[in-house]
C-alpha atoms as a PDB file:
ATOM      1  CA  MET A   1      73.116  84.630  69.373  1.00  0.00           C
ATOM      2  CA  ARG A   2      74.137  82.118  67.143  1.00  0.00           C
ATOM      3  CA  LEU A   3      76.595  79.380  68.456  1.00  0.00           C
ATOM      4  CA  ASP A   4      79.279  77.881  65.933  1.00  0.00           C
ATOM      5  CA  LEU A   5      80.100  74.614  67.541  1.00  0.00           C
ATOM      6  CA  ARG A   6      83.051  74.382  65.119  1.00  0.00           C
ATOM      7  CA  THR A   7      84.916  77.209  66.803  1.00  0.00           C
ATOM      8  CA  THR A   8      83.313  77.129  70.366  1.00  0.00           C
ATOM      9  CA  ASN A   9      83.976  75.018  73.260  1.00  0.00           C
ATOM     10  CA  LEU A  10      80.193  74.081  74.179  1.00  0.00           C
ATOM     11  CA  HIS A  11      81.363  73.769  78.079  1.00  0.00           C
ATOM     12  CA  GLU A  12      82.684  77.157  77.995  1.00  0.00           C
ATOM     13  CA  TYR A  13      79.912  78.855  76.287  1.00  0.00           C
ATOM     14  CA  VAL A  14      77.395  77.197  78.693  1.00  0.00           C
ATOM     15  CA  ARG A  15      79.557  78.313  81.781  1.00  0.00           C
ATOM     16  CA  SER A  16      79.759  81.821  80.503  1.00  0.00           C
ATOM     17  CA  LYS A  17      76.094  81.976  79.845  1.00  0.00           C
ATOM     18  CA  ARG A  18      75.226  80.592  83.250  1.00  0.00           C
ATOM     19  CA  MET A  19      77.885  83.216  84.970  1.00  0.00           C
ATOM     20  CA  ALA A  20      76.254  86.016  82.992  1.00  0.00           C
ATOM     21  CA  GLU A  21      72.806  84.837  84.203  1.00  0.00           C
ATOM     22  CA  GLU A  22      73.713  84.781  87.682  1.00  0.00           C
ATOM     23  CA  ASN A  23      75.379  88.338  87.478  1.00  0.00           C
ATOM     24  CA  ARG A  24      72.290  89.512  85.933  1.00  0.00           C
ATOM     25  CA  LEU A  25      70.135  88.245  88.802  1.00  0.00           C
ATOM     26  CA  TRP A  26      72.305  88.719  91.675  1.00  0.00           C
ATOM     27  CA  GLY A  27      74.591  91.841  90.716  1.00  0.00           C
ATOM     28  CA  PRO A  28      77.817  92.696  92.176  1.00  0.00           C
ATOM     29  CA  SER A  29      78.301  92.048  95.780  1.00  0.00           C
ATOM     30  CA  ALA A  30      77.911  94.807  98.270  1.00  0.00           C
ATOM     31  CA  PHE A  31      81.241  94.096  99.855  1.00  0.00           C
ATOM     32  CA  ALA A  32      83.085  93.995  96.437  1.00  0.00           C
ATOM     33  CA  GLY A  33      84.396  97.550  96.637  1.00  0.00           C
ATOM     34  CA  SER A  34      86.120  97.467  99.776  1.00  0.00           C
ATOM     35  CA  ALA A  35      87.424  94.061  99.232  1.00  0.00           C
ATOM     36  CA  ASN A  36      89.242  95.174  95.992  1.00  0.00           C
ATOM     37  CA  ALA A  37      90.797  97.942  97.707  1.00  0.00           C
ATOM     38  CA  ILE A  38      92.044  95.694 100.397  1.00  0.00           C
ATOM     39  CA  CYS A  39      93.448  93.052  97.896  1.00  0.00           C
ATOM     40  CA  GLU A  40      95.089  95.956  95.948  1.00  0.00           C
ATOM     41  CA  ARG A  41      96.696  97.425  99.041  1.00  0.00           C
ATOM     42  CA  PHE A  42      98.017  94.141 100.165  1.00  0.00           C
ATOM     43  CA  LEU A  43      99.233  93.031  96.638  1.00  0.00           C
ATOM     44  CA  GLY A  44     101.061  96.447  96.396  1.00  0.00           C
ATOM     45  CA  SER A  45     102.704  95.837  99.776  1.00  0.00           C
ATOM     46  CA  VAL A  46     103.749  92.237  98.536  1.00  0.00           C
ATOM     47  CA  ARG A  47     105.322  93.872  95.288  1.00  0.00           C
ATOM     48  CA  CYS A  48     106.944  96.841  96.716  1.00  0.00           C
ATOM     49  CA  GLU A  49     108.362  95.199 100.144  1.00  0.00           C
ATOM     50  CA  CYS A  50     109.017  91.751  98.708  1.00  0.00           C
ATOM     51  CA  LEU A  51     108.936  90.700  94.982  1.00  0.00           C
ATOM     52  CA  ASP A  52     110.834  93.861  93.917  1.00  0.00           C
ATOM     53  CA  HIS A  53     114.002  92.832  95.787  1.00  0.00           C
ATOM     54  CA  LEU A  54     113.922  89.080  95.009  1.00  0.00           C
ATOM     55  CA  LEU A  55     114.629  87.088  91.871  1.00  0.00           C
ATOM     56  CA  VAL A  56     111.857  84.186  91.995  1.00  0.00           C
ATOM     57  CA  LEU A  57     112.884  81.200  90.268  1.00  0.00           C
ATOM     58  CA  ASP A  58     109.864  79.113  89.692  1.00  0.00           C
ATOM     59  CA  GLU A  59     106.241  78.689  91.109  1.00  0.00           C
ATOM     60  CA  ARG A  60     107.197  76.626  94.237  1.00  0.00           C
ATOM     61  CA  HIS A  61     109.855  79.420  95.112  1.00  0.00           C
ATOM     62  CA  LEU A  62     107.100  82.385  94.753  1.00  0.00           C
ATOM     63  CA  LEU A  63     104.602  80.092  96.993  1.00  0.00           C
ATOM     64  CA  ASP A  64     107.407  79.681  99.515  1.00  0.00           C
ATOM     65  CA  VAL A  65     108.116  83.514  99.420  1.00  0.00           C
ATOM     66  CA  LEU A  66     104.690  84.424  99.653  1.00  0.00           C
ATOM     67  CA  VAL A  67     103.879  82.236 102.668  1.00  0.00           C
ATOM     68  CA  GLU A  68     107.058  83.621 104.525  1.00  0.00           C
ATOM     69  CA  TYR A  69     106.037  87.229 103.618  1.00  0.00           C
ATOM     70  CA  CYS A  70     102.348  86.709 104.684  1.00  0.00           C
ATOM     71  CA  ARG A  71     103.856  85.374 108.028  1.00  0.00           C
ATOM     72  CA  TYR A  72     105.985  88.435 108.492  1.00  0.00           C
ATOM     73  CA  PHE A  73     103.037  90.800 107.332  1.00  0.00           C
ATOM     74  CA  ASN A  74     100.549  89.368 109.883  1.00  0.00           C
ATOM     75  CA  GLU A  75     102.935  88.506 112.954  1.00  0.00           C
ATOM     76  CA  SER A  76     105.593  91.358 112.764  1.00  0.00           C
ATOM     77  CA  ARG A  77     104.701  94.184 110.651  1.00  0.00           C
ATOM     78  CA  PRO A  78     102.777  97.017 112.306  1.00  0.00           C
ATOM     79  CA  HIS A  79      99.624  98.277 110.699  1.00  0.00           C
ATOM     80  CA  GLN A  80      98.254 101.826 110.423  1.00  0.00           C
ATOM     81  CA  GLY A  81      94.746 100.751 110.469  1.00  0.00           C
ATOM     82  CA  ILE A  82      94.752  99.076 113.820  1.00  0.00           C
ATOM     83  CA  GLY A  83      96.900 101.787 115.604  1.00  0.00           C
ATOM     84  CA  GLN A  84     100.401 100.569 114.648  1.00  0.00           C
ATOM     85  CA  LEU A  85      99.612  97.199 116.286  1.00  0.00           C
ATOM     86  CA  VAL A  86     100.349  93.741 114.839  1.00  0.00           C
ATOM     87  CA  PRO A  87      97.309  91.678 113.785  1.00  0.00           C
ATOM     88  CA  ILE A  88      98.700  88.413 115.042  1.00  0.00           C
ATOM     89  CA  GLY A  89     101.508  89.531 117.427  1.00  0.00           C
ATOM     90  CA  ALA A  90     102.643  88.732 120.716  1.00  0.00           C
ATOM     91  CA  LEU A  91      99.882  89.715 123.404  1.00  0.00           C
ATOM     92  CA  SER A  92     102.610  91.169 125.742  1.00  0.00           C
ATOM     93  CA  ALA A  93     105.732  92.456 124.590  1.00  0.00           C
ATOM     94  CA  ALA A  94     108.782  91.759 127.076  1.00  0.00           C
ATOM     95  CA  ARG A  95     109.661  95.175 128.780  1.00  0.00           C
ATOM     96  CA  GLY A  96     112.865  96.087 130.460  1.00  0.00           C
ATOM     97  CA  ASN A  97     116.389  96.499 129.690  1.00  0.00           C
ATOM     98  CA  GLY A  98     116.978  93.133 127.979  1.00  0.00           C
ATOM     99  CA  SER A  99     118.685  92.910 124.706  1.00  0.00           C
ATOM    100  CA  VAL A 100     117.147  93.244 121.542  1.00  0.00           C
ATOM    101  CA  VAL A 101     116.900  90.304 119.309  1.00  0.00           C
ATOM    102  CA  ALA A 102     116.432  90.751 115.259  1.00  0.00           C
ATOM    103  CA  ILE A 103     114.551  87.678 113.753  1.00  0.00           C
ATOM    104  CA  PRO A 104     115.267  87.710 110.161  1.00  0.00           C
ATOM    105  CA  PHE A 105     112.422  87.252 107.477  1.00  0.00           C
ATOM    106  CA  LEU A 106     112.925  86.120 103.792  1.00  0.00           C
ATOM    107  CA  ASN A 107     116.688  85.573 104.418  1.00  0.00           C
ATOM    108  CA  GLY A 108     117.279  88.794 106.241  1.00  0.00           C
ATOM    109  CA  LEU A 109     115.167  91.051 103.604  1.00  0.00           C
ATOM    110  CA  HIS A 110     113.003  92.056 106.702  1.00  0.00           C
ATOM    111  CA  HIS A 111     113.551  91.771 110.542  1.00  0.00           C
ATOM    112  CA  ASP A 112     111.402  91.568 113.423  1.00  0.00           C
ATOM    113  CA  TYR A 113     113.060  92.993 116.472  1.00  0.00           C
ATOM    114  CA  ARG A 114     111.941  91.851 119.887  1.00  0.00           C
ATOM    115  CA  ARG A 115     113.307  91.974 123.402  1.00  0.00           C
ATOM    116  CA  ALA A 116     114.885  88.949 124.802  1.00  0.00           C
ATOM    117  CA  ALA A 117     113.111  87.420 127.516  1.00  0.00           C
END
């Protein structure tokens, strides 16, 4: 392959050749298939449950929205893959006849409902 230094950034060329060589030697990761599916599922949830309902103004606003959604996703939203449990939820839910309190996420787009202690 001929390298034309007038049109190619030498640093980018060397980096791309090194990455191609590493991929040839090591091949794709054994976990790449399932990792891609998990990422696609999460990003689909973010888009469908969050970003389709909001007008994002700038990068900082997007970051704030994603941090808040991740908190909701991990602390309040039940997941089918783990038996409708919450990944980082309260270990013991309050039981009884107490009143139910709604905790808003994303300015009320989603809510977490818990019994008051």
